[in-house]
Amino acid sequence: MQRVALHTRLRPGAEEVYEAEHAVIPADLEAEMREYGVHSWRIWRAGLDLFHLVEVDDYAELQRRLGGSAANQAWQRQMNRLLDADFDPGAGGLGLVWEMT
């Protein structure tokens, strides 16, 4: 299993809307993500910065499969209006600097 850390940034003033819309994601999208190997996806927010931690079988394969998903495309349109830059599914994530296990 892979752990992938991602960073995205909100547009100023979008914080409350973003959190409200993430209270529950669409059931069909969650089902697809689980089917495509997502074990967990957590998001933390510090001001406008969002930090994601994804535990997934294969992140590149997840992004490939979600690329053809109508549920994901609708979700990305909904979320991208709140982000400073559109989510880049091809980004490999943040580089790990240190870990204590």
PDB file of N, CA and C in Angstrom:
ATOM      1  N   MET A   1       0.850  -1.179   0.000  1.00  0.00           N
ATOM      2  CA  MET A   1       0.000   0.000   0.000  1.00  0.00           C
ATOM      3  C   MET A   1       0.894   1.241   0.000  1.00  0.00           C
ATOM      4  N   GLN A   2       0.473   2.258  -0.734  1.00  0.00           N
ATOM      5  CA  GLN A   2       1.187   3.530  -0.800  1.00  0.00           C
ATOM      6  C   GLN A   2       0.519   4.547   0.118  1.00  0.00           C
ATOM      7  N   ARG A   3       1.333   5.442   0.663  1.00  0.00           N
ATOM      8  CA  ARG A   3       0.834   6.630   1.352  1.00  0.00           C
ATOM      9  C   ARG A   3       1.305   7.820   0.547  1.00  0.00           C
ATOM     10  N   VAL A   4       0.362   8.630   0.087  1.00  0.00           N
ATOM     11  CA  VAL A   4       0.685   9.775  -0.748  1.00  0.00           C
ATOM     12  C   VAL A   4       0.190  11.035  -0.045  1.00  0.00           C
ATOM     13  N   ALA A   5       1.089  12.015   0.117  1.00  0.00           N
ATOM     14  CA  ALA A   5       0.726  13.306   0.697  1.00  0.00           C
ATOM     15  C   ALA A   5       0.581  14.307  -0.450  1.00  0.00           C
ATOM     16  N   LEU A   6      -0.505  15.073  -0.412  1.00  0.00           N
ATOM     17  CA  LEU A   6      -0.796  16.067  -1.448  1.00  0.00           C
ATOM     18  C   LEU A   6      -1.019  17.420  -0.802  1.00  0.00           C
ATOM     19  N   HIS A   7      -0.800  18.464  -1.573  1.00  0.00           N
ATOM     20  CA  HIS A   7      -1.046  19.824  -1.103  1.00  0.00           C
ATOM     21  C   HIS A   7      -1.882  20.539  -2.141  1.00  0.00           C
ATOM     22  N   THR A   8      -2.955  21.167  -1.700  1.00  0.00           N
ATOM     23  CA  THR A   8      -3.751  22.045  -2.548  1.00  0.00           C
ATOM     24  C   THR A   8      -3.998  23.321  -1.763  1.00  0.00           C
ATOM     25  N   ARG A   9      -4.473  24.350  -2.449  1.00  0.00           N
ATOM     26  CA  ARG A   9      -4.672  25.646  -1.801  1.00  0.00           C
ATOM     27  C   ARG A   9      -6.031  26.199  -2.202  1.00  0.00           C
ATOM     28  N   LEU A  10      -6.753  26.688  -1.205  1.00  0.00           N
ATOM     29  CA  LEU A  10      -8.073  27.270  -1.433  1.00  0.00           C
ATOM     30  C   LEU A  10      -7.975  28.704  -1.924  1.00  0.00           C
ATOM     31  N   ARG A  11      -9.004  29.143  -2.617  1.00  0.00           N
ATOM     32  CA  ARG A  11      -9.148  30.561  -2.936  1.00  0.00           C
ATOM     33  C   ARG A  11      -9.546  31.276  -1.648  1.00  0.00           C
ATOM     34  N   PRO A  12      -9.082  32.474  -1.417  1.00  0.00           N
ATOM     35  CA  PRO A  12      -9.486  33.213  -0.213  1.00  0.00           C
ATOM     36  C   PRO A  12     -11.013  33.322  -0.135  1.00  0.00           C
ATOM     37  N   GLY A  13     -11.539  33.059   1.050  1.00  0.00           N
ATOM     38  CA  GLY A  13     -12.971  33.122   1.293  1.00  0.00           C
ATOM     39  C   GLY A  13     -13.716  31.824   1.038  1.00  0.00           C
ATOM     40  N   ALA A  14     -13.029  30.788   0.545  1.00  0.00           N
ATOM     41  CA  ALA A  14     -13.699  29.530   0.209  1.00  0.00           C
ATOM     42  C   ALA A  14     -13.643  28.497   1.340  1.00  0.00           C
ATOM     43  N   GLU A  15     -13.050  28.859   2.465  1.00  0.00           N
ATOM     44  CA  GLU A  15     -12.809  27.883   3.527  1.00  0.00           C
ATOM     45  C   GLU A  15     -14.096  27.218   4.019  1.00  0.00           C
ATOM     46  N   GLU A  16     -15.091  28.004   4.380  1.00  0.00           N
ATOM     47  CA  GLU A  16     -16.321  27.442   4.953  1.00  0.00           C
ATOM     48  C   GLU A  16     -17.083  26.607   3.937  1.00  0.00           C
ATOM     49  N   VAL A  17     -17.152  27.070   2.714  1.00  0.00           N
ATOM     50  CA  VAL A  17     -17.855  26.313   1.666  1.00  0.00           C
ATOM     51  C   VAL A  17     -17.151  24.984   1.425  1.00  0.00           C
ATOM     52  N   TYR A  18     -15.806  25.016   1.345  1.00  0.00           N
ATOM     53  CA  TYR A  18     -15.035  23.793   1.114  1.00  0.00           C
ATOM     54  C   TYR A  18     -15.308  22.767   2.217  1.00  0.00           C
ATOM     55  N   GLU A  19     -15.240  23.212   3.460  1.00  0.00           N
ATOM     56  CA  GLU A  19     -15.464  22.282   4.569  1.00  0.00           C
ATOM     57  C   GLU A  19     -16.902  21.765   4.575  1.00  0.00           C
ATOM     58  N   ALA A  20     -17.865  22.617   4.284  1.00  0.00           N
ATOM     59  CA  ALA A  20     -19.265  22.182   4.253  1.00  0.00           C
ATOM     60  C   ALA A  20     -19.486  21.153   3.150  1.00  0.00           C
ATOM     61  N   GLU A  21     -18.882  21.378   1.984  1.00  0.00           N
ATOM     62  CA  GLU A  21     -19.076  20.448   0.877  1.00  0.00           C
ATOM     63  C   GLU A  21     -18.326  19.138   1.078  1.00  0.00           C
ATOM     64  N   HIS A  22     -17.313  19.145   1.935  1.00  0.00           N
ATOM     65  CA  HIS A  22     -16.590  17.908   2.238  1.00  0.00           C
ATOM     66  C   HIS A  22     -17.185  17.164   3.434  1.00  0.00           C
ATOM     67  N   ALA A  23     -18.209  17.695   4.050  1.00  0.00           N
ATOM     68  CA  ALA A  23     -18.827  16.990   5.184  1.00  0.00           C
ATOM     69  C   ALA A  23     -19.258  15.593   4.761  1.00  0.00           C
ATOM     70  N   VAL A  24     -19.760  15.488   3.534  1.00  0.00           N
ATOM     71  CA  VAL A  24     -20.129  14.189   2.954  1.00  0.00           C
ATOM     72  C   VAL A  24     -19.831  14.270   1.467  1.00  0.00           C
ATOM     73  N   ILE A  25     -18.998  13.357   0.974  1.00  0.00           N
ATOM     74  CA  ILE A  25     -18.748  13.340  -0.462  1.00  0.00           C
ATOM     75  C   ILE A  25     -19.809  12.447  -1.120  1.00  0.00           C
ATOM     76  N   PRO A  26     -20.010  12.574  -2.428  1.00  0.00           N
ATOM     77  CA  PRO A  26     -21.021  11.759  -3.104  1.00  0.00           C
ATOM     78  C   PRO A  26     -20.758  10.259  -2.908  1.00  0.00           C
ATOM     79  N   ALA A  27     -21.806   9.531  -2.602  1.00  0.00           N
ATOM     80  CA  ALA A  27     -21.686   8.091  -2.313  1.00  0.00           C
ATOM     81  C   ALA A  27     -21.101   7.325  -3.491  1.00  0.00           C
ATOM     82  N   ASP A  28     -21.475   7.699  -4.720  1.00  0.00           N
ATOM     83  CA  ASP A  28     -20.950   6.974  -5.877  1.00  0.00           C
ATOM     84  C   ASP A  28     -19.452   7.205  -6.042  1.00  0.00           C
ATOM     85  N   LEU A  29     -18.985   8.396  -5.720  1.00  0.00           N
ATOM     86  CA  LEU A  29     -17.554   8.688  -5.791  1.00  0.00           C
ATOM     87  C   LEU A  29     -16.804   7.911  -4.714  1.00  0.00           C
ATOM     88  N   GLU A  30     -17.325   7.907  -3.499  1.00  0.00           N
ATOM     89  CA  GLU A  30     -16.656   7.146  -2.431  1.00  0.00           C
ATOM     90  C   GLU A  30     -16.597   5.669  -2.780  1.00  0.00           C
ATOM     91  N   ALA A  31     -17.667   5.112  -3.319  1.00  0.00           N
ATOM     92  CA  ALA A  31     -17.688   3.691  -3.691  1.00  0.00           C
ATOM     93  C   ALA A  31     -16.627   3.408  -4.758  1.00  0.00           C
ATOM     94  N   GLU A  32     -16.521   4.277  -5.758  1.00  0.00           N
ATOM     95  CA  GLU A  32     -15.499   4.082  -6.790  1.00  0.00           C
ATOM     96  C   GLU A  32     -14.105   4.167  -6.201  1.00  0.00           C
ATOM     97  N   MET A  33     -13.865   5.152  -5.350  1.00  0.00           N
ATOM     98  CA  MET A  33     -12.538   5.290  -4.759  1.00  0.00           C
ATOM     99  C   MET A  33     -12.154   4.041  -3.974  1.00  0.00           C
ATOM    100  N   ARG A  34     -13.091   3.505  -3.225  1.00  0.00           N
ATOM    101  CA  ARG A  34     -12.808   2.271  -2.482  1.00  0.00           C
ATOM    102  C   ARG A  34     -12.549   1.111  -3.437  1.00  0.00           C
ATOM    103  N   GLU A  35     -13.355   1.015  -4.486  1.00  0.00           N
ATOM    104  CA  GLU A  35     -13.181  -0.044  -5.486  1.00  0.00           C
ATOM    105  C   GLU A  35     -11.818   0.064  -6.161  1.00  0.00           C
ATOM    106  N   TYR A  36     -11.342   1.295  -6.344  1.00  0.00           N
ATOM    107  CA  TYR A  36     -10.066   1.537  -7.026  1.00  0.00           C
ATOM    108  C   TYR A  36      -8.870   1.489  -6.077  1.00  0.00           C
ATOM    109  N   GLY A  37      -9.080   1.058  -4.840  1.00  0.00           N
ATOM    110  CA  GLY A  37      -7.954   0.794  -3.952  1.00  0.00           C
ATOM    111  C   GLY A  37      -7.679   1.806  -2.866  1.00  0.00           C
ATOM    112  N   VAL A  38      -8.550   2.807  -2.658  1.00  0.00           N
ATOM    113  CA  VAL A  38      -8.332   3.779  -1.594  1.00  0.00           C
ATOM    114  C   VAL A  38      -8.749   3.156  -0.261  1.00  0.00           C
ATOM    115  N   HIS A  39      -7.821   3.140   0.683  1.00  0.00           N
ATOM    116  CA  HIS A  39      -8.113   2.646   2.034  1.00  0.00           C
ATOM    117  C   HIS A  39      -8.559   3.804   2.929  1.00  0.00           C
ATOM    118  N   SER A  40      -7.930   4.968   2.744  1.00  0.00           N
ATOM    119  CA  SER A  40      -8.337   6.162   3.493  1.00  0.00           C
ATOM    120  C   SER A  40      -7.848   7.392   2.750  1.00  0.00           C
ATOM    121  N   TRP A  41      -8.544   8.495   2.979  1.00  0.00           N
ATOM    122  CA  TRP A  41      -8.142   9.805   2.421  1.00  0.00           C
ATOM    123  C   TRP A  41      -8.497  10.831   3.482  1.00  0.00           C
ATOM    124  N   ARG A  42      -7.484  11.474   4.029  1.00  0.00           N
ATOM    125  CA  ARG A  42      -7.684  12.478   5.079  1.00  0.00           C
ATOM    126  C   ARG A  42      -7.235  13.831   4.547  1.00  0.00           C
ATOM    127  N   ILE A  43      -7.929  14.882   4.972  1.00  0.00           N
ATOM    128  CA  ILE A  43      -7.561  16.243   4.576  1.00  0.00           C
ATOM    129  C   ILE A  43      -7.496  17.113   5.831  1.00  0.00           C
ATOM    130  N   TRP A  44      -6.390  17.842   5.969  1.00  0.00           N
ATOM    131  CA  TRP A  44      -6.238  18.829   7.034  1.00  0.00           C
ATOM    132  C   TRP A  44      -6.161  20.194   6.377  1.00  0.00           C
ATOM    133  N   ARG A  45      -6.631  21.226   7.093  1.00  0.00           N
ATOM    134  CA  ARG A  45      -6.573  22.587   6.577  1.00  0.00           C
ATOM    135  C   ARG A  45      -5.857  23.488   7.565  1.00  0.00           C
ATOM    136  N   ALA A  46      -4.929  24.293   7.054  1.00  0.00           N
ATOM    137  CA  ALA A  46      -4.258  25.349   7.819  1.00  0.00           C
ATOM    138  C   ALA A  46      -4.420  26.615   7.001  1.00  0.00           C
ATOM    139  N   GLY A  47      -5.367  27.465   7.410  1.00  0.00           N
ATOM    140  CA  GLY A  47      -5.663  28.660   6.618  1.00  0.00           C
ATOM    141  C   GLY A  47      -6.210  28.249   5.261  1.00  0.00           C
ATOM    142  N   LEU A  48      -5.515  28.636   4.212  1.00  0.00           N
ATOM    143  CA  LEU A  48      -5.937  28.288   2.851  1.00  0.00           C
ATOM    144  C   LEU A  48      -5.280  27.016   2.334  1.00  0.00           C
ATOM    145  N   ASP A  49      -4.313  26.486   3.072  1.00  0.00           N
ATOM    146  CA  ASP A  49      -3.576  25.305   2.630  1.00  0.00           C
ATOM    147  C   ASP A  49      -4.264  24.024   3.073  1.00  0.00           C
ATOM    148  N   LEU A  50      -4.402  23.107   2.115  1.00  0.00           N
ATOM    149  CA  LEU A  50      -4.997  21.797   2.379  1.00  0.00           C
ATOM    150  C   LEU A  50      -3.915  20.738   2.216  1.00  0.00           C
ATOM    151  N   PHE A  51      -3.841  19.846   3.183  1.00  0.00           N
ATOM    152  CA  PHE A  51      -2.886  18.753   3.147  1.00  0.00           C
ATOM    153  C   PHE A  51      -3.662  17.445   3.187  1.00  0.00           C
ATOM    154  N   HIS A  52      -3.412  16.600   2.201  1.00  0.00           N
ATOM    155  CA  HIS A  52      -4.130  15.339   2.046  1.00  0.00           C
ATOM    156  C   HIS A  52      -3.159  14.199   2.341  1.00  0.00           C
ATOM    157  N   LEU A  53      -3.649  13.157   2.987  1.00  0.00           N
ATOM    158  CA  LEU A  53      -2.897  11.925   3.144  1.00  0.00           C
ATOM    159  C   LEU A  53      -3.778  10.803   2.613  1.00  0.00           C
ATOM    160  N   VAL A  54      -3.306  10.166   1.541  1.00  0.00           N
ATOM    161  CA  VAL A  54      -4.059   9.123   0.865  1.00  0.00           C
ATOM    162  C   VAL A  54      -3.340   7.799   1.082  1.00  0.00           C
ATOM    163  N   GLU A  55      -4.064   6.810   1.559  1.00  0.00           N
ATOM    164  CA  GLU A  55      -3.543   5.446   1.652  1.00  0.00           C
ATOM    165  C   GLU A  55      -4.265   4.642   0.582  1.00  0.00           C
ATOM    166  N   VAL A  56      -3.493   4.159  -0.395  1.00  0.00           N
ATOM    167  CA  VAL A  56      -4.075   3.572  -1.599  1.00  0.00           C
ATOM    168  C   VAL A  56      -3.170   2.456  -2.109  1.00  0.00           C
ATOM    169  N   ASP A  57      -3.772   1.488  -2.770  1.00  0.00           N
ATOM    170  CA  ASP A  57      -2.976   0.395  -3.324  1.00  0.00           C
ATOM    171  C   ASP A  57      -1.988   0.903  -4.369  1.00  0.00           C
ATOM    172  N   ASP A  58      -2.451   1.732  -5.312  1.00  0.00           N
ATOM    173  CA  ASP A  58      -1.606   2.243  -6.398  1.00  0.00           C
ATOM    174  C   ASP A  58      -2.156   3.602  -6.808  1.00  0.00           C
ATOM    175  N   TYR A  59      -1.471   4.681  -6.418  1.00  0.00           N
ATOM    176  CA  TYR A  59      -1.970   6.034  -6.655  1.00  0.00           C
ATOM    177  C   TYR A  59      -2.085   6.348  -8.145  1.00  0.00           C
ATOM    178  N   ALA A  60      -1.093   5.970  -8.932  1.00  0.00           N
ATOM    179  CA  ALA A  60      -1.140   6.249 -10.369  1.00  0.00           C
ATOM    180  C   ALA A  60      -2.335   5.534 -11.003  1.00  0.00           C
ATOM    181  N   GLU A  61      -2.575   4.313 -10.617  1.00  0.00           N
ATOM    182  CA  GLU A  61      -3.718   3.559 -11.146  1.00  0.00           C
ATOM    183  C   GLU A  61      -5.036   4.180 -10.685  1.00  0.00           C
ATOM    184  N   LEU A  62      -5.086   4.644  -9.441  1.00  0.00           N
ATOM    185  CA  LEU A  62      -6.284   5.326  -8.945  1.00  0.00           C
ATOM    186  C   LEU A  62      -6.591   6.534  -9.825  1.00  0.00           C
ATOM    187  N   GLN A  63      -5.600   7.370 -10.081  1.00  0.00           N
ATOM    188  CA  GLN A  63      -5.816   8.567 -10.890  1.00  0.00           C
ATOM    189  C   GLN A  63      -6.202   8.214 -12.323  1.00  0.00           C
ATOM    190  N   ARG A  64      -5.612   7.149 -12.864  1.00  0.00           N
ATOM    191  CA  ARG A  64      -5.973   6.720 -14.221  1.00  0.00           C
ATOM    192  C   ARG A  64      -7.441   6.326 -14.273  1.00  0.00           C
ATOM    193  N   ARG A  65      -7.872   5.532 -13.299  1.00  0.00           N
ATOM    194  CA  ARG A  65      -9.254   5.052 -13.291  1.00  0.00           C
ATOM    195  C   ARG A  65     -10.240   6.180 -12.982  1.00  0.00           C
ATOM    196  N   LEU A  66      -9.877   7.077 -12.074  1.00  0.00           N
ATOM    197  CA  LEU A  66     -10.764   8.199 -11.763  1.00  0.00           C
ATOM    198  C   LEU A  66     -10.884   9.166 -12.941  1.00  0.00           C
ATOM    199  N   GLY A  67      -9.886   9.189 -13.813  1.00  0.00           N
ATOM    200  CA  GLY A  67      -9.928  10.057 -14.980  1.00  0.00           C
ATOM    201  C   GLY A  67     -11.125   9.790 -15.880  1.00  0.00           C
ATOM    202  N   GLY A  68     -11.600   8.564 -15.898  1.00  0.00           N
ATOM    203  CA  GLY A  68     -12.757   8.208 -16.709  1.00  0.00           C
ATOM    204  C   GLY A  68     -14.053   8.145 -15.930  1.00  0.00           C
ATOM    205  N   SER A  69     -14.031   8.605 -14.708  1.00  0.00           N
ATOM    206  CA  SER A  69     -15.195   8.511 -13.822  1.00  0.00           C
ATOM    207  C   SER A  69     -16.067   9.758 -13.913  1.00  0.00           C
ATOM    208  N   ALA A  70     -17.324   9.581 -14.278  1.00  0.00           N
ATOM    209  CA  ALA A  70     -18.257  10.718 -14.323  1.00  0.00           C
ATOM    210  C   ALA A  70     -18.443  11.313 -12.933  1.00  0.00           C
ATOM    211  N   ALA A  71     -18.497  10.454 -11.913  1.00  0.00           N
ATOM    212  CA  ALA A  71     -18.663  10.947 -10.537  1.00  0.00           C
ATOM    213  C   ALA A  71     -17.473  11.801 -10.133  1.00  0.00           C
ATOM    214  N   ASN A  72     -16.262  11.382 -10.474  1.00  0.00           N
ATOM    215  CA  ASN A  72     -15.072  12.151 -10.130  1.00  0.00           C
ATOM    216  C   ASN A  72     -14.999  13.446 -10.927  1.00  0.00           C
ATOM    217  N   GLN A  73     -15.337  13.410 -12.200  1.00  0.00           N
ATOM    218  CA  GLN A  73     -15.300  14.621 -13.006  1.00  0.00           C
ATOM    219  C   GLN A  73     -16.259  15.678 -12.457  1.00  0.00           C
ATOM    220  N   ALA A  74     -17.445  15.243 -12.037  1.00  0.00           N
ATOM    221  CA  ALA A  74     -18.412  16.180 -11.438  1.00  0.00           C
ATOM    222  C   ALA A  74     -17.862  16.743 -10.136  1.00  0.00           C
ATOM    223  N   TRP A  75     -17.251  15.894  -9.306  1.00  0.00           N
ATOM    224  CA  TRP A  75     -16.684  16.335  -8.030  1.00  0.00           C
ATOM    225  C   TRP A  75     -15.547  17.319  -8.256  1.00  0.00           C
ATOM    226  N   GLN A  76     -14.680  17.034  -9.217  1.00  0.00           N
ATOM    227  CA  GLN A  76     -13.552  17.934  -9.489  1.00  0.00           C
ATOM    228  C   GLN A  76     -14.045  19.296  -9.966  1.00  0.00           C
ATOM    229  N   ARG A  77     -15.081  19.328 -10.805  1.00  0.00           N
ATOM    230  CA  ARG A  77     -15.640  20.618 -11.218  1.00  0.00           C
ATOM    231  C   ARG A  77     -16.162  21.384 -10.001  1.00  0.00           C
ATOM    232  N   GLN A  78     -16.831  20.667  -9.095  1.00  0.00           N
ATOM    233  CA  GLN A  78     -17.389  21.295  -7.894  1.00  0.00           C
ATOM    234  C   GLN A  78     -16.269  21.825  -7.001  1.00  0.00           C
ATOM    235  N   MET A  79     -15.214  21.046  -6.804  1.00  0.00           N
ATOM    236  CA  MET A  79     -14.126  21.445  -5.917  1.00  0.00           C
ATOM    237  C   MET A  79     -13.199  22.473  -6.551  1.00  0.00           C
ATOM    238  N   ASN A  80     -12.914  22.338  -7.842  1.00  0.00           N
ATOM    239  CA  ASN A  80     -11.943  23.232  -8.482  1.00  0.00           C
ATOM    240  C   ASN A  80     -12.382  24.685  -8.456  1.00  0.00           C
ATOM    241  N   ARG A  81     -13.669  24.937  -8.354  1.00  0.00           N
ATOM    242  CA  ARG A  81     -14.117  26.330  -8.267  1.00  0.00           C
ATOM    243  C   ARG A  81     -13.675  26.969  -6.954  1.00  0.00           C
ATOM    244  N   LEU A  82     -13.312  26.143  -5.962  1.00  0.00           N
ATOM    245  CA  LEU A  82     -12.902  26.627  -4.648  1.00  0.00           C
ATOM    246  C   LEU A  82     -11.384  26.680  -4.484  1.00  0.00           C
ATOM    247  N   LEU A  83     -10.652  26.070  -5.415  1.00  0.00           N
ATOM    248  CA  LEU A  83      -9.203  25.956  -5.290  1.00  0.00           C
ATOM    249  C   LEU A  83      -8.497  27.068  -6.042  1.00  0.00           C
ATOM    250  N   ASP A  84      -7.316  27.420  -5.546  1.00  0.00           N
ATOM    251  CA  ASP A  84      -6.486  28.442  -6.167  1.00  0.00           C
ATOM    252  C   ASP A  84      -5.996  27.975  -7.530  1.00  0.00           C
ATOM    253  N   ALA A  85      -5.784  26.672  -7.684  1.00  0.00           N
ATOM    254  CA  ALA A  85      -5.396  26.058  -8.961  1.00  0.00           C
ATOM    255  C   ALA A  85      -6.093  24.704  -9.019  1.00  0.00           C
ATOM    256  N   ASP A  86      -6.462  24.287 -10.216  1.00  0.00           N
ATOM    257  CA  ASP A  86      -7.134  22.999 -10.355  1.00  0.00           C
ATOM    258  C   ASP A  86      -6.255  21.879  -9.809  1.00  0.00           C
ATOM    259  N   PHE A  87      -6.893  20.857  -9.253  1.00  0.00           N
ATOM    260  CA  PHE A  87      -6.184  19.681  -8.755  1.00  0.00           C
ATOM    261  C   PHE A  87      -5.488  18.996  -9.920  1.00  0.00           C
ATOM    262  N   ASP A  88      -4.218  18.678  -9.766  1.00  0.00           N
ATOM    263  CA  ASP A  88      -3.435  18.015 -10.811  1.00  0.00           C
ATOM    264  C   ASP A  88      -3.319  16.529 -10.487  1.00  0.00           C
ATOM    265  N   PRO A  89      -4.116  15.684 -11.156  1.00  0.00           N
ATOM    266  CA  PRO A  89      -4.068  14.256 -10.849  1.00  0.00           C
ATOM    267  C   PRO A  89      -2.745  13.606 -11.215  1.00  0.00           C
ATOM    268  N   GLY A  90      -1.952  14.244 -12.067  1.00  0.00           N
ATOM    269  CA  GLY A  90      -0.670  13.679 -12.458  1.00  0.00           C
ATOM    270  C   GLY A  90       0.451  13.973 -11.480  1.00  0.00           C
ATOM    271  N   ALA A  91       0.207  14.864 -10.527  1.00  0.00           N
ATOM    272  CA  ALA A  91       1.241  15.186  -9.537  1.00  0.00           C
ATOM    273  C   ALA A  91       1.474  13.969  -8.646  1.00  0.00           C
ATOM    274  N   GLY A  92       2.715  13.666  -8.401  1.00  0.00           N
ATOM    275  CA  GLY A  92       3.049  12.480  -7.617  1.00  0.00           C
ATOM    276  C   GLY A  92       2.946  12.679  -6.115  1.00  0.00           C
ATOM    277  N   GLY A  93       2.667  13.870  -5.673  1.00  0.00           N
ATOM    278  CA  GLY A  93       2.553  14.119  -4.249  1.00  0.00           C
ATOM    279  C   GLY A  93       3.793  14.782  -3.687  1.00  0.00           C
ATOM    280  N   LEU A  94       3.756  15.036  -2.399  1.00  0.00           N
ATOM    281  CA  LEU A  94       4.850  15.685  -1.688  1.00  0.00           C
ATOM    282  C   LEU A  94       5.952  14.676  -1.388  1.00  0.00           C
ATOM    283  N   GLY A  95       7.181  15.121  -1.413  1.00  0.00           N
ATOM    284  CA  GLY A  95       8.295  14.241  -1.081  1.00  0.00           C
ATOM    285  C   GLY A  95       8.426  14.085   0.436  1.00  0.00           C
ATOM    286  N   LEU A  96       8.605  12.858   0.882  1.00  0.00           N
ATOM    287  CA  LEU A  96       8.779  12.569   2.300  1.00  0.00           C
ATOM    288  C   LEU A  96      10.154  13.024   2.755  1.00  0.00           C
ATOM    289  N   VAL A  97      10.197  13.824   3.796  1.00  0.00           N
ATOM    290  CA  VAL A  97      11.460  14.316   4.329  1.00  0.00           C
ATOM    291  C   VAL A  97      11.900  13.485   5.534  1.00  0.00           C
ATOM    292  N   TRP A  98      10.970  13.155   6.425  1.00  0.00           N
ATOM    293  CA  TRP A  98      11.320  12.450   7.647  1.00  0.00           C
ATOM    294  C   TRP A  98      10.102  11.713   8.138  1.00  0.00           C
ATOM    295  N   GLU A  99      10.333  10.579   8.805  1.00  0.00           N
ATOM    296  CA  GLU A  99       9.233   9.797   9.355  1.00  0.00           C
ATOM    297  C   GLU A  99       9.724   9.062  10.590  1.00  0.00           C
ATOM    298  N   MET A 100       8.902   9.074  11.615  1.00  0.00           N
ATOM    299  CA  MET A 100       9.180   8.276  12.811  1.00  0.00           C
ATOM    300  C   MET A 100       8.111   7.192  12.893  1.00  0.00           C
ATOM    301  N   THR A 101       8.531   5.965  12.881  1.00  0.00           N
ATOM    302  CA  THR A 101       7.572   4.859  12.949  1.00  0.00           C
ATOM    303  C   THR A 101       7.793   4.041  14.178  1.00  0.00           C
TER     304      THR A 101
END
